[in-house]
N, C-alpha and C. Protein backbone atom coordinates (compact mmCIF):
# COMPACT_ATOMS: atom_id res chain seq x y z
N MET A 1 -2.33 -1.66 24.12
CA MET A 1 -3.16 -2.59 23.03
C MET A 1 -2.73 -3.91 23.48
N ALA A 2 -3.83 -4.79 23.22
CA ALA A 2 -3.62 -6.20 23.54
C ALA A 2 -2.36 -6.67 22.68
N ILE A 3 -1.87 -7.95 23.02
CA ILE A 3 -0.87 -8.57 21.35
C ILE A 3 -1.67 -8.95 20.63
N GLU A 4 -2.74 -9.71 20.55
CA GLU A 4 -3.71 -9.95 19.43
C GLU A 4 -3.95 -8.60 18.94
N GLY A 5 -4.59 -7.91 19.28
CA GLY A 5 -4.81 -6.53 18.74
C GLY A 5 -3.44 -6.00 18.07
N MET A 6 -2.84 -6.16 18.42
CA MET A 6 -1.56 -5.81 17.50
C MET A 6 -0.96 -6.71 16.53
N ARG A 7 -1.47 -7.58 16.46
CA ARG A 7 -0.88 -8.63 15.55
C ARG A 7 -2.01 -8.57 14.45
N GLU A 8 -3.01 -8.36 14.77
CA GLU A 8 -4.29 -7.83 13.84
C GLU A 8 -4.32 -6.79 12.77
N ALA A 9 -3.45 -5.87 13.71
CA ALA A 9 -3.32 -4.38 12.99
C ALA A 9 -2.29 -4.54 11.95
N GLN A 10 -1.21 -5.25 12.33
CA GLN A 10 0.09 -5.19 11.44
C GLN A 10 -0.38 -6.37 10.96
N GLU A 11 -1.21 -7.20 10.89
CA GLU A 11 -1.66 -8.29 9.67
C GLU A 11 -2.29 -7.60 8.73
N ALA A 12 -3.22 -6.11 9.12
CA ALA A 12 -4.35 -5.40 8.27
C ALA A 12 -3.06 -4.98 7.35
N LEU A 13 -2.26 -4.46 8.02
CA LEU A 13 -1.24 -3.23 7.17
C LEU A 13 -0.31 -4.12 6.35
N ALA A 14 -0.47 -5.26 6.64
CA ALA A 14 0.54 -6.16 5.90
C ALA A 14 -0.66 -6.10 4.18
N ILE A 15 -1.58 -6.86 4.81
CA ILE A 15 -2.66 -6.67 3.53
C ILE A 15 -2.77 -5.45 2.75
N GLU A 16 -3.27 -4.52 3.44
CA GLU A 16 -2.99 -3.10 2.95
C GLU A 16 -1.80 -2.70 1.74
N GLU A 17 -0.89 -3.23 2.08
CA GLU A 17 0.50 -2.42 1.38
C GLU A 17 0.49 -3.87 0.15
N ALA A 18 0.12 -5.19 0.17
CA ALA A 18 0.17 -5.98 -0.89
C ALA A 18 -0.81 -5.50 -1.50
N ASP A 19 -2.25 -5.06 -1.30
CA ASP A 19 -3.16 -4.78 -1.79
C ASP A 19 -2.86 -3.22 -2.56
N ALA A 20 -2.17 -2.43 -2.10
CA ALA A 20 -1.41 -1.24 -2.99
C ALA A 20 -0.50 -1.98 -4.06
N TRP A 21 0.40 -2.65 -4.05
CA TRP A 21 1.07 -3.34 -4.99
C TRP A 21 0.47 -3.81 -5.96
N PHE A 22 -0.68 -4.46 -5.79
CA PHE A 22 -1.62 -5.36 -6.73
C PHE A 22 -2.28 -4.04 -7.57
N GLU A 23 -3.01 -3.30 -6.92
CA GLU A 23 -3.65 -2.12 -7.41
C GLU A 23 -2.47 -1.54 -8.63
N TYR A 24 -1.23 -1.12 -8.30
CA TYR A 24 -0.40 -1.06 -9.18
C TYR A 24 -0.20 -1.70 -10.27
N LEU A 25 -0.11 -3.09 -10.15
CA LEU A 25 0.26 -3.64 -11.39
C LEU A 25 -0.52 -3.93 -12.09
N GLU A 26 -2.15 -4.24 -11.54
CA GLU A 26 -3.18 -4.19 -12.42
C GLU A 26 -3.31 -2.90 -13.11
N ALA A 27 -3.04 -1.98 -12.75
CA ALA A 27 -3.33 -0.75 -13.90
C ALA A 27 -2.42 -0.55 -14.82
N VAL A 28 -1.24 -0.34 -14.40
CA VAL A 28 0.10 -0.46 -15.26
C VAL A 28 -0.35 -1.22 -16.08
N ARG A 29 -0.27 -2.77 -15.92
CA ARG A 29 -0.36 -4.11 -16.71
C ARG A 29 -1.59 -3.85 -17.63
N ALA A 30 -2.80 -3.44 -17.23
CA ALA A 30 -3.92 -2.79 -18.31
C ALA A 30 -3.45 -1.92 -19.53
N HIS A 31 -2.72 -1.53 -19.37
CA HIS A 31 -2.35 -0.27 -20.13
C HIS A 31 -0.75 -0.51 -20.89
N GLU A 32 -0.10 -1.45 -20.65
CA GLU A 32 1.23 -1.35 -21.04
C GLU A 32 1.18 -1.39 -22.66
N ARG A 33 0.42 -2.37 -23.23
CA ARG A 33 0.60 -2.09 -24.53
C ARG A 33 -0.20 -1.01 -25.52
N THR A 34 -0.63 -0.25 -24.48
CA THR A 34 -1.69 0.81 -25.55
C THR A 34 -0.68 2.46 -25.12
N ASN A 35 -1.10 3.37 -25.97
CA ASN A 35 -0.46 4.50 -25.69
C ASN A 35 -1.00 5.15 -24.18
N ARG A 36 -2.25 4.63 -23.77
CA ARG A 36 -2.17 5.28 -22.20
C ARG A 36 -1.27 4.90 -21.20
N TYR A 37 -0.15 3.93 -21.47
CA TYR A 37 0.72 3.72 -20.60
C TYR A 37 1.35 5.12 -19.77
N ASP A 38 1.53 5.87 -20.59
CA ASP A 38 2.74 6.83 -20.01
C ASP A 38 1.43 7.92 -19.09
N GLU A 39 0.15 7.89 -19.46
CA GLU A 39 -0.53 8.55 -18.81
C GLU A 39 -0.62 7.96 -17.39
N VAL A 40 -0.80 6.57 -17.51
CA VAL A 40 -1.67 5.82 -16.37
C VAL A 40 -0.53 5.72 -15.30
N GLU A 41 0.92 5.27 -15.77
CA GLU A 41 1.57 4.82 -15.19
C GLU A 41 2.15 6.04 -13.69
N PRO A 42 2.34 6.94 -14.38
CA PRO A 42 2.80 8.03 -13.34
C PRO A 42 1.53 8.58 -12.29
N TRP A 43 0.21 8.33 -12.78
CA TRP A 43 -0.93 8.27 -11.76
C TRP A 43 -0.65 7.05 -10.69
N ALA A 44 -0.40 5.89 -11.35
CA ALA A 44 -0.59 4.36 -10.45
C ALA A 44 0.67 4.23 -9.52
N TRP A 45 2.17 5.04 -9.80
CA TRP A 45 2.97 5.33 -9.30
C TRP A 45 2.65 6.36 -7.90
N ALA A 46 2.09 7.47 -7.72
CA ALA A 46 1.75 8.28 -7.11
C ALA A 46 0.86 7.74 -6.08
N ARG A 47 -0.15 7.05 -6.66
CA ARG A 47 -1.02 6.56 -5.68
C ARG A 47 -0.54 5.41 -4.82
N LEU A 48 0.19 4.38 -5.50
CA LEU A 48 1.16 3.45 -4.56
C LEU A 48 1.89 4.04 -3.40
N LEU A 49 2.28 5.39 -3.73
CA LEU A 49 3.35 5.98 -2.85
C LEU A 49 2.53 6.18 -1.70
N GLN A 50 1.33 6.77 -2.27
CA GLN A 50 0.21 7.28 -1.14
C GLN A 50 -0.26 6.47 -0.20
N ARG A 51 -0.72 5.51 -0.69
CA ARG A 51 -1.01 4.44 0.11
C ARG A 51 -0.03 3.80 0.68
N LEU A 52 1.32 3.48 0.02
CA LEU A 52 2.69 3.27 1.50
C LEU A 52 2.97 4.09 2.42
N ARG A 53 3.06 5.63 2.00
CA ARG A 53 2.84 6.35 3.48
C ARG A 53 1.85 6.10 4.34
N ILE A 54 1.07 5.93 3.62
CA ILE A 54 -0.28 5.42 4.94
C ILE A 54 0.15 4.45 6.04
N VAL A 55 0.78 3.31 5.20
CA VAL A 55 0.67 2.10 5.60
C VAL A 55 2.03 2.40 6.59
N GLU A 56 3.00 3.05 6.15
CA GLU A 56 4.47 3.28 6.92
C GLU A 56 3.89 4.15 7.93
N ARG A 57 2.78 5.44 8.21
CA ARG A 57 2.87 6.21 9.28
C ARG A 57 2.19 5.40 10.23
N GLU A 58 1.12 4.35 9.56
CA GLU A 58 0.16 3.56 10.80
C GLU A 58 1.04 2.53 11.29
N ARG A 59 2.52 2.18 10.51
CA ARG A 59 3.24 1.29 11.37
C ARG A 59 3.67 1.52 12.04
N ALA A 60 4.45 3.32 12.04
CA ALA A 60 5.33 4.12 13.10
C ALA A 60 4.55 4.59 14.39
N ARG A 61 2.82 4.50 14.10
CA ARG A 61 1.95 5.04 15.07
C ARG A 61 1.98 3.60 16.23
N LEU A 62 2.01 2.46 15.70
CA LEU A 62 1.86 0.99 16.50
C LEU A 62 3.23 0.86 17.01
N GLN A 63 4.61 1.44 16.71
CA GLN A 63 5.71 0.86 17.13
C GLN A 63 5.37 1.39 18.47
N PRO A 64 5.44 2.74 19.15
CA PRO A 64 5.25 3.06 20.29
C PRO A 64 4.54 2.11 21.46
N ALA A 65 2.87 1.45 20.81
CA ALA A 65 2.40 0.39 21.58
C ALA A 65 2.76 -0.30 21.75
N ALA A 66 3.92 -0.50 20.79
CA ALA A 66 4.36 -2.59 21.05
C ALA A 66 5.63 -2.29 22.35
N ALA A 67 6.04 -1.02 22.31
CA ALA A 67 7.18 -1.22 23.28
C ALA A 67 6.57 -1.05 24.50
């Protein structure tokens, strides 16, 4: 993979990771002061972890290409 393509892939993964965190925060903050927080937070956390696992898997896939 070309260096430029590798850099773009890493940037895309960083953006995806940040987006996952923002999605979590948005979901949780929207229900912080409601009785639904206890329902929403576990879902939001599970969704965050799922998205972060995907990002990590893609980063690991890119590592051999960088070497």
